[in-house]
PDB file of N, CA and C in Angstrom:
ATOM      1  N   UNK A   1      63.452 -23.928 -36.608  1.00  0.00           N
ATOM      2  CA  UNK A   1      64.767 -23.887 -37.469  1.00  0.00           C
ATOM      3  C   UNK A   1      64.155 -24.011 -38.828  1.00  0.00           C
ATOM      4  N   UNK A   2      64.216 -23.902 -39.962  1.00  0.00           N
ATOM      5  CA  UNK A   2      63.973 -24.295 -41.410  1.00  0.00           C
ATOM      6  C   UNK A   2      64.355 -25.444 -41.658  1.00  0.00           C
ATOM      7  N   UNK A   3      63.468 -26.106 -42.360  1.00  0.00           N
ATOM      8  CA  UNK A   3      63.997 -27.462 -42.971  1.00  0.00           C
ATOM      9  C   UNK A   3      64.206 -27.570 -44.464  1.00  0.00           C
ATOM     10  N   UNK A   4      65.268 -27.618 -44.762  1.00  0.00           N
ATOM     11  CA  UNK A   4      65.296 -27.364 -46.417  1.00  0.00           C
ATOM     12  C   UNK A   4      65.260 -28.975 -46.973  1.00  0.00           C
ATOM     13  N   UNK A   5      64.564 -29.010 -48.238  1.00  0.00           N
ATOM     14  CA  UNK A   5      64.397 -30.812 -48.896  1.00  0.00           C
ATOM     15  C   UNK A   5      65.326 -31.221 -48.889  1.00  0.00           C
ATOM     16  N   UNK A   6      66.786 -30.579 -49.362  1.00  0.00           N
ATOM     17  CA  UNK A   6      67.931 -31.185 -49.491  1.00  0.00           C
ATOM     18  C   UNK A   6      68.815 -31.133 -48.500  1.00  0.00           C
ATOM     19  N   UNK A   7      68.034 -31.047 -47.331  1.00  0.00           N
ATOM     20  CA  UNK A   7      68.706 -31.162 -46.196  1.00  0.00           C
ATOM     21  C   UNK A   7      68.539 -32.767 -45.457  1.00  0.00           C
ATOM     22  N   UNK A   8      67.112 -33.174 -45.605  1.00  0.00           N
ATOM     23  CA  UNK A   8      66.753 -34.651 -45.585  1.00  0.00           C
ATOM     24  C   UNK A   8      67.006 -35.981 -46.330  1.00  0.00           C
ATOM     25  N   UNK A   9      67.683 -36.814 -46.141  1.00  0.00           N
ATOM     26  CA  UNK A   9      68.096 -37.785 -47.013  1.00  0.00           C
ATOM     27  C   UNK A   9      66.762 -38.587 -47.155  1.00  0.00           C
ATOM     28  N   UNK A  10      66.981 -39.101 -48.156  1.00  0.00           N
ATOM     29  CA  UNK A  10      66.281 -40.085 -48.727  1.00  0.00           C
ATOM     30  C   UNK A  10      65.355 -41.068 -47.713  1.00  0.00           C
ATOM     31  N   UNK A  11      66.517 -41.696 -47.130  1.00  0.00           N
ATOM     32  CA  UNK A  11      66.249 -42.865 -45.625  1.00  0.00           C
ATOM     33  C   UNK A  11      65.439 -41.937 -44.695  1.00  0.00           C
ATOM     34  N   UNK A  12      65.958 -41.015 -44.384  1.00  0.00           N
ATOM     35  CA  UNK A  12      65.214 -39.991 -43.341  1.00  0.00           C
ATOM     36  C   UNK A  12      63.718 -39.549 -43.414  1.00  0.00           C
ATOM     37  N   UNK A  13      63.651 -39.084 -44.768  1.00  0.00           N
ATOM     38  CA  UNK A  13      62.230 -38.987 -45.228  1.00  0.00           C
ATOM     39  C   UNK A  13      61.372 -40.091 -44.976  1.00  0.00           C
ATOM     40  N   UNK A  14      61.767 -41.229 -45.442  1.00  0.00           N
ATOM     41  CA  UNK A  14      60.945 -42.849 -45.173  1.00  0.00           C
ATOM     42  C   UNK A  14      60.896 -42.371 -43.509  1.00  0.00           C
ATOM     43  N   UNK A  15      62.103 -42.641 -42.744  1.00  0.00           N
ATOM     44  CA  UNK A  15      61.889 -42.555 -41.248  1.00  0.00           C
ATOM     45  C   UNK A  15      60.806 -41.883 -40.829  1.00  0.00           C
ATOM     46  N   UNK A  16      60.656 -40.700 -41.196  1.00  0.00           N
ATOM     47  CA  UNK A  16      60.071 -39.406 -40.676  1.00  0.00           C
ATOM     48  C   UNK A  16      58.581 -39.957 -41.182  1.00  0.00           C
ATOM     49  N   UNK A  17      58.218 -40.790 -42.078  1.00  0.00           N
ATOM     50  CA  UNK A  17      56.796 -40.992 -42.599  1.00  0.00           C
ATOM     51  C   UNK A  17      56.375 -42.283 -41.510  1.00  0.00           C
ATOM     52  N   UNK A  18      57.089 -43.149 -41.314  1.00  0.00           N
ATOM     53  CA  UNK A  18      57.224 -44.139 -40.581  1.00  0.00           C
ATOM     54  C   UNK A  18      57.099 -43.948 -39.009  1.00  0.00           C
ATOM     55  N   UNK A  19      58.045 -43.128 -38.445  1.00  0.00           N
ATOM     56  CA  UNK A  19      57.516 -42.237 -37.062  1.00  0.00           C
ATOM     57  C   UNK A  19      56.210 -41.694 -36.862  1.00  0.00           C
ATOM     58  N   UNK A  20      55.717 -41.118 -38.007  1.00  0.00           N
ATOM     59  CA  UNK A  20      54.304 -40.295 -37.927  1.00  0.00           C
ATOM     60  C   UNK A  20      53.386 -41.504 -37.730  1.00  0.00           C
ATOM     61  N   UNK A  21      53.552 -42.462 -38.997  1.00  0.00           N
ATOM     62  CA  UNK A  21      52.220 -43.406 -39.070  1.00  0.00           C
ATOM     63  C   UNK A  21      52.289 -44.181 -37.710  1.00  0.00           C
ATOM     64  N   UNK A  22      53.939 -44.617 -37.043  1.00  0.00           N
ATOM     65  CA  UNK A  22      53.433 -45.168 -35.434  1.00  0.00           C
ATOM     66  C   UNK A  22      52.853 -44.430 -34.549  1.00  0.00           C
ATOM     67  N   UNK A  23      53.368 -43.300 -34.371  1.00  0.00           N
ATOM     68  CA  UNK A  23      52.591 -42.781 -33.104  1.00  0.00           C
ATOM     69  C   UNK A  23      50.965 -42.676 -33.364  1.00  0.00           C
ATOM     70  N   UNK A  24      50.417 -42.344 -34.870  1.00  0.00           N
ATOM     71  CA  UNK A  24      49.244 -42.526 -35.229  1.00  0.00           C
ATOM     72  C   UNK A  24      48.688 -43.448 -34.898  1.00  0.00           C
ATOM     73  N   UNK A  25      49.367 -44.562 -35.354  1.00  0.00           N
ATOM     74  CA  UNK A  25      48.730 -46.178 -34.808  1.00  0.00           C
ATOM     75  C   UNK A  25      48.597 -46.471 -33.416  1.00  0.00           C
ATOM     76  N   UNK A  26      49.591 -46.191 -32.555  1.00  0.00           N
ATOM     77  CA  UNK A  26      49.569 -45.874 -31.308  1.00  0.00           C
ATOM     78  C   UNK A  26      48.447 -45.164 -30.454  1.00  0.00           C
ATOM     79  N   UNK A  27      48.321 -44.151 -31.225  1.00  0.00           N
ATOM     80  CA  UNK A  27      47.529 -43.190 -30.667  1.00  0.00           C
ATOM     81  C   UNK A  27      45.923 -43.644 -30.799  1.00  0.00           C
ATOM     82  N   UNK A  28      45.530 -44.331 -32.029  1.00  0.00           N
ATOM     83  CA  UNK A  28      44.365 -45.197 -32.229  1.00  0.00           C
ATOM     84  C   UNK A  28      44.263 -46.147 -31.131  1.00  0.00           C
ATOM     85  N   UNK A  29      45.239 -47.253 -31.044  1.00  0.00           N
ATOM     86  CA  UNK A  29      45.435 -48.252 -30.588  1.00  0.00           C
ATOM     87  C   UNK A  29      44.673 -47.666 -28.670  1.00  0.00           C
ATOM     88  N   UNK A  30      45.366 -46.490 -28.241  1.00  0.00           N
ATOM     89  CA  UNK A  30      44.785 -46.194 -26.843  1.00  0.00           C
ATOM     90  C   UNK A  30      43.719 -45.431 -26.879  1.00  0.00           C
ATOM     91  N   UNK A  31      43.057 -44.659 -27.984  1.00  0.00           N
ATOM     92  CA  UNK A  31      41.947 -44.412 -27.717  1.00  0.00           C
ATOM     93  C   UNK A  31      40.695 -45.418 -28.314  1.00  0.00           C
ATOM     94  N   UNK A  32      41.262 -46.494 -28.740  1.00  0.00           N
ATOM     95  CA  UNK A  32      40.438 -47.711 -28.492  1.00  0.00           C
ATOM     96  C   UNK A  32      39.830 -48.281 -26.990  1.00  0.00           C
ATOM     97  N   UNK A  33      41.273 -48.490 -26.542  1.00  0.00           N
ATOM     98  CA  UNK A  33      40.603 -48.871 -25.182  1.00  0.00           C
ATOM     99  C   UNK A  33      40.165 -48.198 -24.421  1.00  0.00           C
ATOM    100  N   UNK A  34      40.052 -47.033 -24.634  1.00  0.00           N
ATOM    101  CA  UNK A  34      39.252 -45.842 -23.774  1.00  0.00           C
ATOM    102  C   UNK A  34      40.177 -45.576 -22.465  1.00  0.00           C
ATOM    103  N   UNK A  35      39.763 -44.765 -21.605  1.00  0.00           N
ATOM    104  CA  UNK A  35      40.195 -44.431 -20.223  1.00  0.00           C
ATOM    105  C   UNK A  35      41.803 -44.481 -20.515  1.00  0.00           C
ATOM    106  N   UNK A  36      42.329 -43.513 -21.282  1.00  0.00           N
ATOM    107  CA  UNK A  36      43.634 -43.318 -21.793  1.00  0.00           C
ATOM    108  C   UNK A  36      44.744 -42.581 -20.737  1.00  0.00           C
ATOM    109  N   UNK A  37      45.786 -42.782 -20.871  1.00  0.00           N
ATOM    110  CA  UNK A  37      46.540 -41.865 -19.797  1.00  0.00           C
ATOM    111  C   UNK A  37      46.375 -40.593 -20.646  1.00  0.00           C
ATOM    112  N   UNK A  38      45.692 -39.851 -19.946  1.00  0.00           N
ATOM    113  CA  UNK A  38      46.243 -38.558 -21.021  1.00  0.00           C
ATOM    114  C   UNK A  38      47.353 -37.891 -21.233  1.00  0.00           C
ATOM    115  N   UNK A  39      48.565 -37.827 -20.364  1.00  0.00           N
ATOM    116  CA  UNK A  39      49.940 -37.584 -20.442  1.00  0.00           C
ATOM    117  C   UNK A  39      50.606 -38.635 -21.175  1.00  0.00           C
ATOM    118  N   UNK A  40      50.093 -39.585 -21.772  1.00  0.00           N
ATOM    119  CA  UNK A  40      50.951 -40.553 -22.647  1.00  0.00           C
ATOM    120  C   UNK A  40      50.498 -39.916 -23.971  1.00  0.00           C
ATOM    121  N   UNK A  41      49.176 -39.837 -24.278  1.00  0.00           N
ATOM    122  CA  UNK A  41      48.278 -39.665 -25.407  1.00  0.00           C
ATOM    123  C   UNK A  41      49.351 -38.122 -25.829  1.00  0.00           C
ATOM    124  N   UNK A  42      49.048 -37.170 -24.641  1.00  0.00           N
ATOM    125  CA  UNK A  42      49.113 -35.888 -25.091  1.00  0.00           C
ATOM    126  C   UNK A  42      51.098 -35.739 -25.640  1.00  0.00           C
ATOM    127  N   UNK A  43      51.654 -36.764 -24.976  1.00  0.00           N
ATOM    128  CA  UNK A  43      53.322 -36.883 -25.475  1.00  0.00           C
ATOM    129  C   UNK A  43      53.037 -37.479 -26.525  1.00  0.00           C
ATOM    130  N   UNK A  44      52.578 -38.314 -27.089  1.00  0.00           N
ATOM    131  CA  UNK A  44      52.511 -38.792 -28.156  1.00  0.00           C
ATOM    132  C   UNK A  44      52.035 -38.048 -29.917  1.00  0.00           C
ATOM    133  N   UNK A  45      51.220 -37.081 -29.050  1.00  0.00           N
ATOM    134  CA  UNK A  45      50.748 -36.003 -29.986  1.00  0.00           C
ATOM    135  C   UNK A  45      51.489 -34.759 -30.201  1.00  0.00           C
ATOM    136  N   UNK A  46      52.398 -34.734 -29.273  1.00  0.00           N
ATOM    137  CA  UNK A  46      53.720 -33.067 -29.229  1.00  0.00           C
ATOM    138  C   UNK A  46      54.520 -34.171 -30.051  1.00  0.00           C
ATOM    139  N   UNK A  47      55.121 -35.160 -29.994  1.00  0.00           N
ATOM    140  CA  UNK A  47      55.778 -36.018 -30.897  1.00  0.00           C
ATOM    141  C   UNK A  47      55.298 -35.753 -32.330  1.00  0.00           C
ATOM    142  N   UNK A  48      54.056 -36.194 -32.526  1.00  0.00           N
ATOM    143  CA  UNK A  48      53.212 -36.376 -34.015  1.00  0.00           C
ATOM    144  C   UNK A  48      53.636 -34.650 -34.412  1.00  0.00           C
ATOM    145  N   UNK A  49      53.622 -33.795 -33.630  1.00  0.00           N
ATOM    146  CA  UNK A  49      53.174 -32.527 -34.313  1.00  0.00           C
ATOM    147  C   UNK A  49      54.474 -32.006 -35.090  1.00  0.00           C
ATOM    148  N   UNK A  50      55.712 -32.337 -33.974  1.00  0.00           N
ATOM    149  CA  UNK A  50      57.047 -32.020 -34.251  1.00  0.00           C
ATOM    150  C   UNK A  50      57.276 -32.612 -35.703  1.00  0.00           C
ATOM    151  N   UNK A  51      57.103 -34.007 -35.844  1.00  0.00           N
ATOM    152  CA  UNK A  51      57.360 -34.649 -37.024  1.00  0.00           C
ATOM    153  C   UNK A  51      56.625 -34.272 -38.332  1.00  0.00           C
ATOM    154  N   UNK A  52      55.158 -33.846 -37.900  1.00  0.00           N
ATOM    155  CA  UNK A  52      54.505 -33.516 -39.193  1.00  0.00           C
ATOM    156  C   UNK A  52      55.261 -31.774 -39.565  1.00  0.00           C
ATOM    157  N   UNK A  53      55.621 -31.019 -38.713  1.00  0.00           N
ATOM    158  CA  UNK A  53      56.480 -29.930 -38.780  1.00  0.00           C
ATOM    159  C   UNK A  53      57.563 -29.863 -39.725  1.00  0.00           C
ATOM    160  N   UNK A  54      58.508 -30.937 -39.270  1.00  0.00           N
ATOM    161  CA  UNK A  54      59.505 -31.545 -40.619  1.00  0.00           C
ATOM    162  C   UNK A  54      59.398 -31.727 -41.485  1.00  0.00           C
ATOM    163  N   UNK A  55      57.948 -32.900 -41.642  1.00  0.00           N
ATOM    164  CA  UNK A  55      57.689 -33.178 -42.978  1.00  0.00           C
ATOM    165  C   UNK A  55      57.220 -32.335 -43.766  1.00  0.00           C
ATOM    166  N   UNK A  56      56.527 -31.066 -43.203  1.00  0.00           N
ATOM    167  CA  UNK A  56      55.764 -30.370 -44.014  1.00  0.00           C
ATOM    168  C   UNK A  56      56.935 -29.183 -44.898  1.00  0.00           C
ATOM    169  N   UNK A  57      57.737 -28.869 -43.375  1.00  0.00           N
ATOM    170  CA  UNK A  57      59.172 -27.909 -44.102  1.00  0.00           C
ATOM    171  C   UNK A  57      59.437 -28.494 -45.345  1.00  0.00           C
ATOM    172  N   UNK A  58      59.958 -29.803 -45.132  1.00  0.00           N
ATOM    173  CA  UNK A  58      60.446 -30.471 -46.094  1.00  0.00           C
ATOM    174  C   UNK A  58      60.104 -30.650 -47.436  1.00  0.00           C
ATOM    175  N   UNK A  59      58.193 -30.503 -47.732  1.00  0.00           N
ATOM    176  CA  UNK A  59      57.511 -30.815 -48.503  1.00  0.00           C
ATOM    177  C   UNK A  59      57.331 -32.036 -49.197  1.00  0.00           C
ATOM    178  N   UNK A  60      57.734 -33.185 -47.791  1.00  0.00           N
ATOM    179  CA  UNK A  60      57.921 -34.680 -48.303  1.00  0.00           C
ATOM    180  C   UNK A  60      56.558 -35.246 -48.742  1.00  0.00           C
ATOM    181  N   UNK A  61      55.695 -34.933 -48.134  1.00  0.00           N
ATOM    182  CA  UNK A  61      54.359 -35.681 -48.959  1.00  0.00           C
ATOM    183  C   UNK A  61      53.715 -34.896 -50.084  1.00  0.00           C
ATOM    184  N   UNK A  62      54.253 -34.076 -50.565  1.00  0.00           N
ATOM    185  CA  UNK A  62      54.243 -33.810 -52.328  1.00  0.00           C
ATOM    186  C   UNK A  62      54.920 -33.644 -52.935  1.00  0.00           C
ATOM    187  N   UNK A  63      55.931 -34.615 -52.756  1.00  0.00           N
ATOM    188  CA  UNK A  63      56.928 -35.480 -53.532  1.00  0.00           C
ATOM    189  C   UNK A  63      56.281 -37.135 -54.170  1.00  0.00           C
ATOM    190  N   UNK A  64      55.690 -36.822 -55.588  1.00  0.00           N
ATOM    191  CA  UNK A  64      54.777 -38.138 -56.100  1.00  0.00           C
ATOM    192  C   UNK A  64      55.077 -39.488 -55.335  1.00  0.00           C
ATOM    193  N   UNK A  65      56.782 -39.744 -55.346  1.00  0.00           N
ATOM    194  CA  UNK A  65      56.673 -41.105 -54.885  1.00  0.00           C
ATOM    195  C   UNK A  65      55.994 -41.098 -53.388  1.00  0.00           C
ATOM    196  N   UNK A  66      55.874 -40.605 -52.342  1.00  0.00           N
ATOM    197  CA  UNK A  66      55.113 -40.667 -51.007  1.00  0.00           C
ATOM    198  C   UNK A  66      53.441 -40.407 -51.285  1.00  0.00           C
ATOM    199  N   UNK A  67      53.205 -40.290 -52.491  1.00  0.00           N
ATOM    200  CA  UNK A  67      51.407 -40.356 -52.751  1.00  0.00           C
ATOM    201  C   UNK A  67      50.830 -41.090 -51.831  1.00  0.00           C
ATOM    202  N   UNK A  68      51.346 -42.695 -52.030  1.00  0.00           N
ATOM    203  CA  UNK A  68      50.346 -43.414 -51.247  1.00  0.00           C
ATOM    204  C   UNK A  68      50.711 -43.338 -49.424  1.00  0.00           C
ATOM    205  N   UNK A  69      51.792 -43.054 -49.293  1.00  0.00           N
ATOM    206  CA  UNK A  69      52.114 -43.035 -47.752  1.00  0.00           C
ATOM    207  C   UNK A  69      51.429 -41.953 -47.140  1.00  0.00           C
ATOM    208  N   UNK A  70      50.711 -40.659 -48.379  1.00  0.00           N
ATOM    209  CA  UNK A  70      49.952 -39.586 -47.904  1.00  0.00           C
ATOM    210  C   UNK A  70      48.363 -39.356 -47.557  1.00  0.00           C
ATOM    211  N   UNK A  71      48.397 -40.963 -48.341  1.00  0.00           N
ATOM    212  CA  UNK A  71      46.906 -41.064 -48.300  1.00  0.00           C
ATOM    213  C   UNK A  71      46.554 -42.286 -46.869  1.00  0.00           C
ATOM    214  N   UNK A  72      47.519 -43.055 -46.714  1.00  0.00           N
ATOM    215  CA  UNK A  72      47.337 -43.578 -45.529  1.00  0.00           C
ATOM    216  C   UNK A  72      47.564 -43.295 -44.248  1.00  0.00           C
ATOM    217  N   UNK A  73      48.663 -42.038 -44.514  1.00  0.00           N
ATOM    218  CA  UNK A  73      48.809 -41.145 -43.153  1.00  0.00           C
ATOM    219  C   UNK A  73      47.004 -40.296 -43.163  1.00  0.00           C
ATOM    220  N   UNK A  74      46.699 -39.458 -43.922  1.00  0.00           N
ATOM    221  CA  UNK A  74      45.171 -38.975 -44.118  1.00  0.00           C
ATOM    222  C   UNK A  74      44.070 -39.818 -43.878  1.00  0.00           C
ATOM    223  N   UNK A  75      44.108 -41.199 -43.927  1.00  0.00           N
ATOM    224  CA  UNK A  75      43.136 -41.960 -43.595  1.00  0.00           C
ATOM    225  C   UNK A  75      43.327 -42.345 -41.915  1.00  0.00           C
ATOM    226  N   UNK A  76      44.444 -42.466 -41.397  1.00  0.00           N
ATOM    227  CA  UNK A  76      44.821 -42.751 -40.213  1.00  0.00           C
ATOM    228  C   UNK A  76      44.574 -41.722 -39.027  1.00  0.00           C
ATOM    229  N   UNK A  77      44.786 -40.301 -39.802  1.00  0.00           N
ATOM    230  CA  UNK A  77      44.316 -39.173 -39.000  1.00  0.00           C
ATOM    231  C   UNK A  77      42.737 -39.061 -38.849  1.00  0.00           C
ATOM    232  N   UNK A  78      42.050 -39.571 -40.246  1.00  0.00           N
ATOM    233  CA  UNK A  78      40.427 -39.860 -40.116  1.00  0.00           C
ATOM    234  C   UNK A  78      39.989 -40.630 -39.208  1.00  0.00           C
ATOM    235  N   UNK A  79      40.540 -41.840 -39.170  1.00  0.00           N
ATOM    236  CA  UNK A  79      40.700 -42.433 -38.187  1.00  0.00           C
ATOM    237  C   UNK A  79      40.280 -42.000 -36.567  1.00  0.00           C
ATOM    238  N   UNK A  80      41.404 -41.660 -36.580  1.00  0.00           N
ATOM    239  CA  UNK A  80      41.614 -41.403 -35.216  1.00  0.00           C
ATOM    240  C   UNK A  80      40.526 -40.029 -34.575  1.00  0.00           C
ATOM    241  N   UNK A  81      40.880 -39.105 -35.742  1.00  0.00           N
ATOM    242  CA  UNK A  81      39.581 -37.962 -35.302  1.00  0.00           C
ATOM    243  C   UNK A  81      38.480 -38.504 -35.263  1.00  0.00           C
ATOM    244  N   UNK A  82      37.777 -39.515 -35.766  1.00  0.00           N
ATOM    245  CA  UNK A  82      36.311 -40.058 -35.625  1.00  0.00           C
ATOM    246  C   UNK A  82      36.319 -40.727 -34.116  1.00  0.00           C
ATOM    247  N   UNK A  83      37.504 -41.311 -33.836  1.00  0.00           N
ATOM    248  CA  UNK A  83      37.155 -42.171 -32.549  1.00  0.00           C
ATOM    249  C   UNK A  83      37.173 -40.980 -31.392  1.00  0.00           C
ATOM    250  N   UNK A  84      37.955 -39.978 -31.787  1.00  0.00           N
ATOM    251  CA  UNK A  84      38.113 -39.094 -30.588  1.00  0.00           C
ATOM    252  C   UNK A  84      36.650 -38.593 -30.790  1.00  0.00           C
ATOM    253  N   UNK A  85      35.741 -38.163 -31.655  1.00  0.00           N
ATOM    254  CA  UNK A  85      34.524 -37.616 -31.873  1.00  0.00           C
ATOM    255  C   UNK A  85      33.542 -38.349 -31.195  1.00  0.00           C
ATOM    256  N   UNK A  86      33.934 -39.533 -31.297  1.00  0.00           N
ATOM    257  CA  UNK A  86      32.902 -40.512 -31.105  1.00  0.00           C
ATOM    258  C   UNK A  86      32.769 -40.474 -29.361  1.00  0.00           C
ATOM    259  N   UNK A  87      34.168 -40.648 -29.029  1.00  0.00           N
ATOM    260  CA  UNK A  87      34.331 -40.520 -27.526  1.00  0.00           C
ATOM    261  C   UNK A  87      33.840 -39.086 -26.594  1.00  0.00           C
ATOM    262  N   UNK A  88      34.521 -38.282 -27.694  1.00  0.00           N
ATOM    263  CA  UNK A  88      33.752 -36.678 -27.022  1.00  0.00           C
ATOM    264  C   UNK A  88      32.276 -37.050 -26.848  1.00  0.00           C
ATOM    265  N   UNK A  89      31.436 -37.031 -27.824  1.00  0.00           N
ATOM    266  CA  UNK A  89      30.143 -37.449 -27.855  1.00  0.00           C
ATOM    267  C   UNK A  89      29.501 -38.164 -26.717  1.00  0.00           C
ATOM    268  N   UNK A  90      30.410 -39.368 -26.899  1.00  0.00           N
ATOM    269  CA  UNK A  90      29.705 -39.882 -25.481  1.00  0.00           C
ATOM    270  C   UNK A  90      29.895 -39.613 -23.802  1.00  0.00           C
ATOM    271  N   UNK A  91      31.167 -38.997 -23.872  1.00  0.00           N
ATOM    272  CA  UNK A  91      31.245 -38.409 -22.703  1.00  0.00           C
ATOM    273  C   UNK A  91      30.639 -37.003 -22.348  1.00  0.00           C
ATOM    274  N   UNK A  92      30.278 -36.553 -23.466  1.00  0.00           N
ATOM    275  CA  UNK A  92      29.283 -35.172 -23.512  1.00  0.00           C
ATOM    276  C   UNK A  92      27.896 -35.794 -22.923  1.00  0.00           C
ATOM    277  N   UNK A  93      27.233 -36.707 -23.674  1.00  0.00           N
ATOM    278  CA  UNK A  93      26.009 -37.379 -23.014  1.00  0.00           C
ATOM    279  C   UNK A  93      26.119 -38.093 -21.494  1.00  0.00           C
ATOM    280  N   UNK A  94      27.269 -38.419 -20.849  1.00  0.00           N
ATOM    281  CA  UNK A  94      27.411 -39.460 -19.717  1.00  0.00           C
ATOM    282  C   UNK A  94      27.397 -37.857 -18.895  1.00  0.00           C
ATOM    283  N   UNK A  95      27.436 -36.744 -19.228  1.00  0.00           N
ATOM    284  CA  UNK A  95      27.909 -35.095 -18.831  1.00  0.00           C
ATOM    285  C   UNK A  95      26.550 -35.128 -18.217  1.00  0.00           C
ATOM    286  N   UNK A  96      25.734 -34.878 -19.548  1.00  0.00           N
ATOM    287  CA  UNK A  96      24.543 -34.744 -19.505  1.00  0.00           C
ATOM    288  C   UNK A  96      23.271 -35.459 -18.204  1.00  0.00           C
ATOM    289  N   UNK A  97      24.099 -36.871 -18.435  1.00  0.00           N
ATOM    290  CA  UNK A  97      22.977 -37.524 -17.498  1.00  0.00           C
ATOM    291  C   UNK A  97      23.584 -37.269 -16.118  1.00  0.00           C
ATOM    292  N   UNK A  98      24.716 -36.939 -15.704  1.00  0.00           N
ATOM    293  CA  UNK A  98      25.405 -36.739 -14.342  1.00  0.00           C
ATOM    294  C   UNK A  98      24.431 -35.333 -14.191  1.00  0.00           C
ATOM    295  N   UNK A  99      24.698 -34.561 -14.812  1.00  0.00           N
ATOM    296  CA  UNK A  99      23.880 -33.059 -14.533  1.00  0.00           C
ATOM    297  C   UNK A  99      22.138 -33.285 -14.475  1.00  0.00           C
ATOM    298  N   UNK A 100      21.706 -34.273 -15.210  1.00  0.00           N
ATOM    299  CA  UNK A 100      20.156 -34.231 -14.819  1.00  0.00           C
ATOM    300  C   UNK A 100      19.775 -35.161 -13.441  1.00  0.00           C
ATOM    301  N   UNK A 101      21.146 -35.863 -13.329  1.00  0.00           N
ATOM    302  CA  UNK A 101      20.539 -36.963 -12.000  1.00  0.00           C
ATOM    303  C   UNK A 101      21.105 -35.928 -10.605  1.00  0.00           C
ATOM    304  N   UNK A 102      22.308 -35.105 -10.923  1.00  0.00           N
ATOM    305  CA  UNK A 102      21.731 -33.823  -9.962  1.00  0.00           C
ATOM    306  C   UNK A 102      20.995 -32.972  -9.562  1.00  0.00           C
ATOM    307  N   UNK A 103      20.248 -32.757 -10.845  1.00  0.00           N
ATOM    308  CA  UNK A 103      19.541 -32.036 -10.895  1.00  0.00           C
ATOM    309  C   UNK A 103      18.223 -32.362 -10.056  1.00  0.00           C
ATOM    310  N   UNK A 104      17.958 -33.700 -10.188  1.00  0.00           N
ATOM    311  CA  UNK A 104      16.942 -34.382  -9.758  1.00  0.00           C
ATOM    312  C   UNK A 104      17.092 -34.609  -8.076  1.00  0.00           C
ATOM    313  N   UNK A 105      18.280 -34.826  -8.152  1.00  0.00           N
ATOM    314  CA  UNK A 105      18.853 -34.926  -6.481  1.00  0.00           C
ATOM    315  C   UNK A 105      18.482 -33.642  -5.459  1.00  0.00           C
ATOM    316  N   UNK A 106      18.778 -32.445  -6.222  1.00  0.00           N
ATOM    317  CA  UNK A 106      18.314 -31.264  -5.237  1.00  0.00           C
ATOM    318  C   UNK A 106      17.022 -31.238  -5.526  1.00  0.00           C
ATOM    319  N   UNK A 107      16.097 -31.419  -6.608  1.00  0.00           N
ATOM    320  CA  UNK A 107      14.754 -31.354  -6.257  1.00  0.00           C
ATOM    321  C   UNK A 107      14.094 -32.276  -5.002  1.00  0.00           C
ATOM    322  N   UNK A 108      14.658 -33.523  -5.050  1.00  0.00           N
ATOM    323  CA  UNK A 108      14.088 -34.223  -3.935  1.00  0.00           C
ATOM    324  C   UNK A 108      14.314 -33.871  -2.594  1.00  0.00           C
ATOM    325  N   UNK A 109      16.147 -33.322  -2.602  1.00  0.00           N
ATOM    326  CA  UNK A 109      16.234 -32.704  -0.846  1.00  0.00           C
ATOM    327  C   UNK A 109      15.333 -31.783  -0.571  1.00  0.00           C
ATOM    328  N   UNK A 110      15.116 -31.130  -1.521  1.00  0.00           N
ATOM    329  CA  UNK A 110      13.621 -29.925  -0.979  1.00  0.00           C
ATOM    330  C   UNK A 110      12.672 -30.746  -0.562  1.00  0.00           C
ATOM    331  N   UNK A 111      12.261 -31.539  -0.666  1.00  0.00           N
ATOM    332  CA  UNK A 111      11.070 -32.137  -0.062  1.00  0.00           C
ATOM    333  C   UNK A 111      11.196 -33.096   1.120  1.00  0.00           C
ATOM    334  N   UNK A 112      12.640 -33.303   1.486  1.00  0.00           N
ATOM    335  CA  UNK A 112      13.033 -34.291   2.590  1.00  0.00           C
ATOM    336  C   UNK A 112      12.850 -33.494   3.755  1.00  0.00           C
TER     337      UNK A 112
END
């Protein structure tokens, strides 16, 4: 369903932006903790996508009065992306170490 800018009242625009900010901040908190419950993070992500669609369709962040909010949300997304990228790199390195250890174990088994 398409949302027209006129269909969203000013308080709802602010509410959508507040809700998105809250979801992003919660995702950042969860990723900082590490070992996050994937289903909770995924639920937050799905909610964020729905809100982003409403914001996008209503062109809320294109309005000059929301310029500061747009910049802040952009920083939150960048921060979340960096944290996820760092965790991905860490996990990739751990997987690599496990593979090397498995390879070493297989090599030793051949000689026992």
